Each structure stands twice: as structure tokens, then as C-alpha cells.
N, C-alpha and C. Protein backbone atom coordinates (compact mmCIF):
# COMPACT_ATOMS: atom_id res chain seq x y z
N MET A 1 92.78 84.28 125.24
CA MET A 1 94.09 85.14 125.58
C MET A 1 93.72 86.17 126.39
N SER A 2 94.52 86.80 127.13
CA SER A 2 94.36 87.93 127.77
C SER A 2 95.75 88.74 127.97
N LYS A 3 95.78 90.05 128.21
CA LYS A 3 96.96 90.74 128.60
C LYS A 3 96.91 91.00 130.19
N LYS A 4 98.02 91.37 130.70
CA LYS A 4 97.98 91.66 132.21
C LYS A 4 97.08 92.89 132.43
N ASP A 5 96.79 94.11 131.46
CA ASP A 5 95.94 94.71 132.10
C ASP A 5 94.63 94.59 131.69
N GLY A 6 94.02 93.31 131.34
CA GLY A 6 92.80 92.97 131.14
C GLY A 6 92.09 92.87 129.79
N LYS A 7 92.89 93.66 128.86
CA LYS A 7 92.41 93.71 127.32
C LYS A 7 92.52 92.34 126.73
N LYS A 8 91.58 91.97 125.84
CA LYS A 8 91.75 90.97 125.04
C LYS A 8 92.55 91.06 123.89
N VAL A 9 93.44 89.86 123.65
CA VAL A 9 94.36 90.03 122.50
C VAL A 9 93.70 89.35 121.39
N ALA A 10 93.66 90.13 120.35
CA ALA A 10 92.83 89.41 119.00
C ALA A 10 93.99 88.47 118.12
N LYS A 11 93.40 87.46 118.02
CA LYS A 11 94.16 86.42 117.20
C LYS A 11 94.69 86.89 115.85
N LYS A 12 95.78 86.92 115.53
CA LYS A 12 96.32 87.47 114.25
C LYS A 12 96.41 86.06 113.32
N ASP A 13 95.31 86.22 112.13
CA ASP A 13 95.31 85.08 111.45
C ASP A 13 95.26 85.30 110.11
N SER A 14 95.83 86.42 109.44
CA SER A 14 96.06 86.76 108.25
C SER A 14 97.41 87.67 107.87
N GLN A 15 97.82 87.48 106.81
CA GLN A 15 99.02 88.22 106.41
C GLN A 15 98.96 88.85 105.39
N LEU A 16 99.91 90.07 105.21
CA LEU A 16 99.93 91.11 103.90
C LEU A 16 101.36 91.02 103.71
N VAL A 17 101.60 90.54 102.41
CA VAL A 17 102.93 90.74 101.75
C VAL A 17 103.05 91.96 100.95
N LEU A 18 104.24 92.50 101.40
CA LEU A 18 104.62 93.66 100.86
C LEU A 18 105.90 93.51 100.07
N ARG A 19 106.17 94.19 99.06
CA ARG A 19 107.34 94.32 98.19
C ARG A 19 107.71 95.67 98.33
N LEU A 20 109.03 95.89 98.96
CA LEU A 20 109.68 97.13 98.88
C LEU A 20 111.34 97.09 98.80
N ASP A 21 111.83 98.14 98.65
CA ASP A 21 113.31 98.13 98.48
C ASP A 21 113.93 97.63 99.51
N LYS A 22 115.01 96.72 99.43
CA LYS A 22 115.73 96.22 100.66
C LYS A 22 116.35 97.28 101.57
N SER A 23 116.95 98.14 100.95
CA SER A 23 117.60 99.19 101.79
C SER A 23 116.55 99.67 102.77
N GLU A 24 115.44 100.19 102.15
CA GLU A 24 114.31 100.67 103.07
C GLU A 24 113.81 99.92 104.07
N ARG A 25 113.62 98.60 103.59
CA ARG A 25 113.10 97.55 104.68
C ARG A 25 114.04 97.40 105.78
N ASP A 26 115.24 97.25 105.49
CA ASP A 26 116.42 96.98 106.38
C ASP A 26 116.64 98.28 107.35
N ALA A 27 116.42 99.54 106.86
CA ALA A 27 116.63 100.71 107.70
C ALA A 27 115.35 100.63 108.49
N PHE A 28 114.12 100.37 108.07
CA PHE A 28 112.99 100.35 109.02
C PHE A 28 113.18 99.33 110.12
N VAL A 29 113.61 98.25 109.78
CA VAL A 29 113.69 97.14 110.67
C VAL A 29 114.78 97.56 111.79
N GLU A 30 115.73 98.14 111.26
CA GLU A 30 116.79 98.60 112.20
C GLU A 30 116.28 99.59 113.39
N ARG A 31 115.43 100.62 112.57
CA ARG A 31 115.05 101.50 113.47
C ARG A 31 114.02 101.14 114.39
N CYS A 32 113.31 100.23 113.90
CA CYS A 32 112.27 99.59 114.95
C CYS A 32 113.04 99.05 116.20
N LYS A 33 114.15 98.40 115.86
CA LYS A 33 114.90 97.63 116.87
C LYS A 33 115.58 98.67 117.66
N ALA A 34 116.14 99.62 117.12
CA ALA A 34 116.55 100.85 118.07
C ALA A 34 115.54 101.41 119.07
N LEU A 35 114.36 101.21 118.54
CA LEU A 35 113.36 102.04 119.28
C LEU A 35 112.62 100.79 120.33
N ASP A 36 113.13 99.69 120.33
CA ASP A 36 112.62 98.67 121.02
C ASP A 36 111.37 98.34 120.71
N THR A 37 111.03 98.02 119.41
CA THR A 37 109.78 97.80 119.10
C THR A 37 110.02 96.80 117.60
N SER A 38 108.91 96.24 117.04
CA SER A 38 108.94 95.33 115.97
C SER A 38 108.36 96.04 114.73
N ALA A 39 108.83 95.76 113.57
CA ALA A 39 108.34 96.24 112.37
C ALA A 39 106.83 95.79 112.34
N ALA A 40 106.66 94.67 112.59
CA ALA A 40 105.10 94.14 112.55
C ALA A 40 104.28 95.14 113.35
N ARG A 41 104.62 95.31 114.45
CA ARG A 41 103.92 96.04 115.48
C ARG A 41 103.63 97.45 115.02
N GLU A 42 104.68 98.20 114.33
CA GLU A 42 104.51 99.60 113.83
C GLU A 42 103.60 99.51 112.54
N ILE A 43 103.68 98.46 111.90
CA ILE A 43 102.77 98.44 110.48
C ILE A 43 101.38 98.21 111.02
N ARG A 44 101.21 97.31 111.93
CA ARG A 44 99.80 97.06 112.58
C ARG A 44 99.30 98.26 113.15
N GLY A 45 99.99 99.13 113.72
CA GLY A 45 99.65 100.30 114.14
C GLY A 45 99.39 101.42 113.25
N PHE A 46 100.15 101.45 112.18
CA PHE A 46 99.90 102.46 111.19
C PHE A 46 98.46 102.13 110.50
N ILE A 47 98.23 100.73 110.22
CA ILE A 47 96.98 100.25 109.68
C ILE A 47 95.67 100.74 110.72
N ARG A 48 95.88 100.62 111.98
CA ARG A 48 94.95 100.93 112.78
C ARG A 48 94.55 102.24 112.70
N VAL A 49 95.75 103.20 112.68
CA VAL A 49 95.38 104.72 112.72
C VAL A 49 94.77 105.04 111.33
N PHE A 50 95.33 104.55 110.25
CA PHE A 50 94.88 104.81 108.88
C PHE A 50 93.40 104.41 108.98
N LEU A 51 92.99 103.28 109.25
CA LEU A 51 91.45 102.86 109.18
C LEU A 51 90.65 103.73 109.89
N LYS A 52 91.26 104.21 111.36
CA LYS A 52 90.46 105.18 112.22
C LYS A 52 90.31 106.47 111.40
N ASP A 53 91.34 106.90 110.84
CA ASP A 53 91.38 108.37 110.22
C ASP A 53 90.52 108.23 108.91
N HIS A 54 90.27 107.25 108.31
CA HIS A 54 89.55 106.93 107.27
C HIS A 54 88.23 106.39 107.17
N ALA A 55 87.62 106.26 108.56
CA ALA A 55 86.54 105.33 108.75
C ALA A 55 85.24 106.21 108.07
N GLU A 56 84.49 105.28 107.63
CA GLU A 56 83.23 105.83 106.89
C GLU A 56 82.26 106.01 108.08
N ASP A 57 81.42 107.00 108.35
CA ASP A 57 80.46 107.28 109.21
C ASP A 57 79.12 106.66 108.68
């Protein structure tokens, strides 16, 4: 698979199940929609930044 800009798209083949308060989940999903993004995309982005910030040298 590839994107228009030439970057390869990694196949997503794993899931992470989270339990959280319904009102927080709903507010997060609605805010993501308002910002024209998805909750999954934002959580994946958070994970990437977290791993980069906490990488072991």
C-alpha cells in the first residue's frame, strides 16, 4: 500500500482495548469529529509521540 505522497502505509494488525467513562469517550469522539479527525487517529498519534518522547537510547 502507498499514499499519494509516496510514504508507505503500515498495515494495522493489532488492537488495544480501553475501558473509560462513557461521557469522556463520547466527548472525545465528538471533539475529534468537530476537528475532522478520528478518535483512532488521535490515539495512534498520541502513542507515537509518547514512544518517541520516551525512547531508550
